[in-house]
């Protein structure tokens, strides 16, 4: 498990904002319940890992949001 600052990757950031957005939109239209809160029950280990990861790490975007808030 990682703690602290995440390393940023421009390539992954652009990919997440373009292809990922369209993929999520398609899945949301086709799969009932996709993207809804509580779907982590299907993969409980991953849900726990993601919850801890989100609370223990931060990135450059998080720092900038805090400065300009």
N, C-alpha and C. Protein backbone atom coordinates (compact mmCIF):
# COMPACT_ATOMS: atom_id res chain seq x y z
N UNK A 1 0.85 -1.18 0.00
CA UNK A 1 0.00 0.00 0.00
C UNK A 1 0.89 1.23 0.00
N UNK A 2 0.52 2.20 -0.82
CA UNK A 2 1.30 3.44 -0.92
C UNK A 2 0.75 4.50 0.03
N UNK A 3 1.65 5.26 0.62
CA UNK A 3 1.28 6.39 1.46
C UNK A 3 1.99 7.62 0.94
N UNK A 4 1.34 8.76 0.98
CA UNK A 4 1.99 10.01 0.59
C UNK A 4 1.63 10.46 -0.80
N UNK A 5 2.61 11.07 -1.48
CA UNK A 5 2.38 11.71 -2.77
C UNK A 5 2.44 10.70 -3.90
N UNK A 6 1.46 10.78 -4.82
CA UNK A 6 1.48 9.94 -6.02
C UNK A 6 2.33 10.62 -7.09
N UNK A 7 3.01 9.81 -7.91
CA UNK A 7 3.74 10.35 -9.05
C UNK A 7 2.74 10.62 -10.17
N UNK A 8 2.85 11.75 -10.84
CA UNK A 8 1.93 12.06 -11.92
C UNK A 8 2.48 11.56 -13.24
N UNK A 9 1.58 11.13 -14.10
CA UNK A 9 1.93 10.70 -15.44
C UNK A 9 1.01 11.41 -16.41
N UNK A 10 1.57 12.27 -17.25
CA UNK A 10 0.77 13.04 -18.20
C UNK A 10 0.03 12.09 -19.14
N UNK A 11 0.71 11.06 -19.61
CA UNK A 11 0.11 10.10 -20.55
C UNK A 11 -1.11 9.42 -19.93
N UNK A 12 -0.97 8.94 -18.71
CA UNK A 12 -2.08 8.27 -18.04
C UNK A 12 -3.20 9.24 -17.71
N UNK A 13 -2.85 10.48 -17.39
CA UNK A 13 -3.85 11.48 -17.06
C UNK A 13 -4.72 11.80 -18.28
N UNK A 14 -4.09 11.98 -19.44
CA UNK A 14 -4.83 12.26 -20.67
C UNK A 14 -5.69 11.07 -21.04
N UNK A 15 -5.13 9.87 -20.91
CA UNK A 15 -5.88 8.65 -21.23
C UNK A 15 -7.12 8.52 -20.35
N UNK A 16 -6.98 8.81 -19.08
CA UNK A 16 -8.10 8.69 -18.15
C UNK A 16 -9.19 9.70 -18.46
N UNK A 17 -8.80 10.86 -18.96
CA UNK A 17 -9.79 11.91 -19.22
C UNK A 17 -10.48 11.74 -20.57
N UNK A 18 -9.93 10.94 -21.49
CA UNK A 18 -10.53 10.80 -22.81
C UNK A 18 -11.18 9.43 -22.98
N UNK A 19 -10.39 8.41 -23.16
CA UNK A 19 -10.92 7.08 -23.40
C UNK A 19 -11.75 6.58 -22.22
N UNK A 20 -11.27 6.84 -21.01
CA UNK A 20 -11.98 6.37 -19.83
C UNK A 20 -13.36 6.98 -19.71
N UNK A 21 -13.49 8.24 -20.06
CA UNK A 21 -14.77 8.93 -19.95
C UNK A 21 -15.80 8.30 -20.90
N UNK A 22 -15.37 8.02 -22.13
CA UNK A 22 -16.32 7.44 -23.09
C UNK A 22 -16.66 6.00 -22.71
N UNK A 23 -15.67 5.26 -22.23
CA UNK A 23 -15.92 3.88 -21.82
C UNK A 23 -16.92 3.84 -20.67
N UNK A 24 -16.74 4.73 -19.69
CA UNK A 24 -17.67 4.77 -18.56
C UNK A 24 -19.07 5.16 -19.02
N UNK A 25 -19.16 6.10 -19.98
CA UNK A 25 -20.47 6.52 -20.46
C UNK A 25 -21.20 5.37 -21.14
N UNK A 26 -20.48 4.58 -21.94
CA UNK A 26 -21.08 3.44 -22.63
C UNK A 26 -21.52 2.39 -21.62
N UNK A 27 -20.64 2.06 -20.68
CA UNK A 27 -20.97 1.05 -19.68
C UNK A 27 -22.15 1.49 -18.82
N UNK A 28 -22.19 2.78 -18.50
CA UNK A 28 -23.28 3.29 -17.68
C UNK A 28 -24.62 3.16 -18.41
N UNK A 29 -24.58 3.33 -19.74
CA UNK A 29 -25.80 3.21 -20.54
C UNK A 29 -26.25 1.76 -20.69
N UNK A 30 -25.30 0.82 -20.69
CA UNK A 30 -25.62 -0.58 -20.97
C UNK A 30 -25.81 -1.44 -19.72
N UNK A 31 -25.05 -1.15 -18.65
CA UNK A 31 -25.05 -2.01 -17.48
C UNK A 31 -25.82 -1.34 -16.35
N UNK A 32 -26.93 -1.94 -15.92
CA UNK A 32 -27.68 -1.33 -14.82
C UNK A 32 -26.86 -1.33 -13.53
N UNK A 33 -26.82 -0.21 -12.87
CA UNK A 33 -26.10 -0.10 -11.60
C UNK A 33 -24.63 0.22 -11.75
N UNK A 34 -24.12 0.33 -12.99
CA UNK A 34 -22.70 0.63 -13.18
C UNK A 34 -22.39 2.04 -12.69
N UNK A 35 -21.36 2.17 -11.89
CA UNK A 35 -20.93 3.47 -11.39
C UNK A 35 -21.73 3.96 -10.20
N UNK A 36 -22.61 3.15 -9.70
CA UNK A 36 -23.42 3.56 -8.55
C UNK A 36 -22.67 3.26 -7.26
N UNK A 37 -22.97 4.03 -6.25
CA UNK A 37 -22.35 3.82 -4.95
C UNK A 37 -22.78 2.46 -4.40
N UNK A 38 -21.86 1.76 -3.78
CA UNK A 38 -22.17 0.47 -3.17
C UNK A 38 -21.88 -0.72 -4.06
N UNK A 39 -21.41 -0.50 -5.28
CA UNK A 39 -21.12 -1.61 -6.17
C UNK A 39 -19.81 -2.31 -5.79
N UNK A 40 -19.09 -1.76 -4.82
CA UNK A 40 -17.86 -2.39 -4.35
C UNK A 40 -18.12 -3.71 -3.65
N UNK A 41 -19.39 -3.97 -3.33
CA UNK A 41 -19.74 -5.23 -2.68
C UNK A 41 -19.45 -6.42 -3.59
N UNK A 42 -19.38 -6.17 -4.90
CA UNK A 42 -19.07 -7.24 -5.84
C UNK A 42 -17.61 -7.68 -5.72
N UNK A 43 -16.73 -6.74 -5.38
CA UNK A 43 -15.30 -7.02 -5.21
C UNK A 43 -14.86 -6.41 -3.89
N UNK A 44 -15.15 -7.04 -2.78
CA UNK A 44 -14.90 -6.43 -1.48
C UNK A 44 -13.43 -6.13 -1.20
N UNK A 45 -12.51 -6.98 -1.65
CA UNK A 45 -11.09 -6.73 -1.39
C UNK A 45 -10.62 -5.48 -2.12
N UNK A 46 -11.05 -5.34 -3.37
CA UNK A 46 -10.66 -4.16 -4.14
C UNK A 46 -11.31 -2.91 -3.55
N UNK A 47 -12.54 -3.02 -3.08
CA UNK A 47 -13.23 -1.88 -2.49
C UNK A 47 -12.49 -1.39 -1.25
N UNK A 48 -12.03 -2.29 -0.42
CA UNK A 48 -11.29 -1.92 0.79
C UNK A 48 -9.96 -1.28 0.41
N UNK A 49 -9.25 -1.87 -0.54
CA UNK A 49 -7.96 -1.34 -0.99
C UNK A 49 -8.15 0.08 -1.53
N UNK A 50 -9.15 0.27 -2.39
CA UNK A 50 -9.37 1.59 -2.98
C UNK A 50 -9.74 2.63 -1.93
N UNK A 51 -10.53 2.25 -0.95
CA UNK A 51 -10.93 3.19 0.09
C UNK A 51 -9.72 3.65 0.89
N UNK A 52 -8.86 2.71 1.26
CA UNK A 52 -7.65 3.06 2.02
C UNK A 52 -6.71 3.90 1.16
N UNK A 53 -6.54 3.51 -0.11
CA UNK A 53 -5.63 4.23 -1.01
C UNK A 53 -6.06 5.67 -1.18
N UNK A 54 -7.35 5.90 -1.38
CA UNK A 54 -7.85 7.26 -1.58
C UNK A 54 -7.67 8.13 -0.35
N UNK A 55 -7.70 7.53 0.83
CA UNK A 55 -7.57 8.30 2.06
C UNK A 55 -6.11 8.54 2.45
N UNK A 56 -5.18 7.72 1.95
CA UNK A 56 -3.79 7.82 2.40
C UNK A 56 -2.84 8.43 1.37
N UNK A 57 -3.31 8.69 0.15
CA UNK A 57 -2.43 9.27 -0.86
C UNK A 57 -3.03 10.58 -1.37
N UNK A 58 -2.20 11.39 -1.99
CA UNK A 58 -2.67 12.62 -2.61
C UNK A 58 -1.75 12.93 -3.78
N UNK A 59 -2.26 13.68 -4.73
CA UNK A 59 -1.50 14.02 -5.91
C UNK A 59 -1.39 15.52 -6.09
N UNK A 60 -0.75 15.91 -7.17
CA UNK A 60 -0.55 17.32 -7.45
C UNK A 60 -1.88 18.04 -7.61
N UNK A 61 -2.85 17.41 -8.24
CA UNK A 61 -4.16 18.02 -8.41
C UNK A 61 -4.84 18.31 -7.09
N UNK A 62 -4.69 17.41 -6.13
CA UNK A 62 -5.27 17.61 -4.80
C UNK A 62 -4.63 18.81 -4.10
N UNK A 63 -3.32 18.95 -4.26
CA UNK A 63 -2.59 20.06 -3.64
C UNK A 63 -3.05 21.39 -4.26
N UNK A 64 -3.16 21.42 -5.58
CA UNK A 64 -3.57 22.64 -6.27
C UNK A 64 -5.01 23.03 -5.92
N UNK A 65 -5.89 22.02 -5.79
CA UNK A 65 -7.27 22.31 -5.40
C UNK A 65 -7.30 22.95 -4.01
N UNK A 66 -6.47 22.47 -3.12
CA UNK A 66 -6.41 23.02 -1.75
C UNK A 66 -5.89 24.45 -1.72
N UNK A 67 -4.97 24.77 -2.62
CA UNK A 67 -4.40 26.11 -2.65
C UNK A 67 -5.37 27.14 -3.21
N UNK A 68 -6.14 26.76 -4.23
CA UNK A 68 -7.00 27.71 -4.92
C UNK A 68 -8.46 27.60 -4.49
N UNK A 69 -8.71 27.00 -3.39
CA UNK A 69 -10.08 26.82 -2.90
C UNK A 69 -10.60 28.06 -2.24
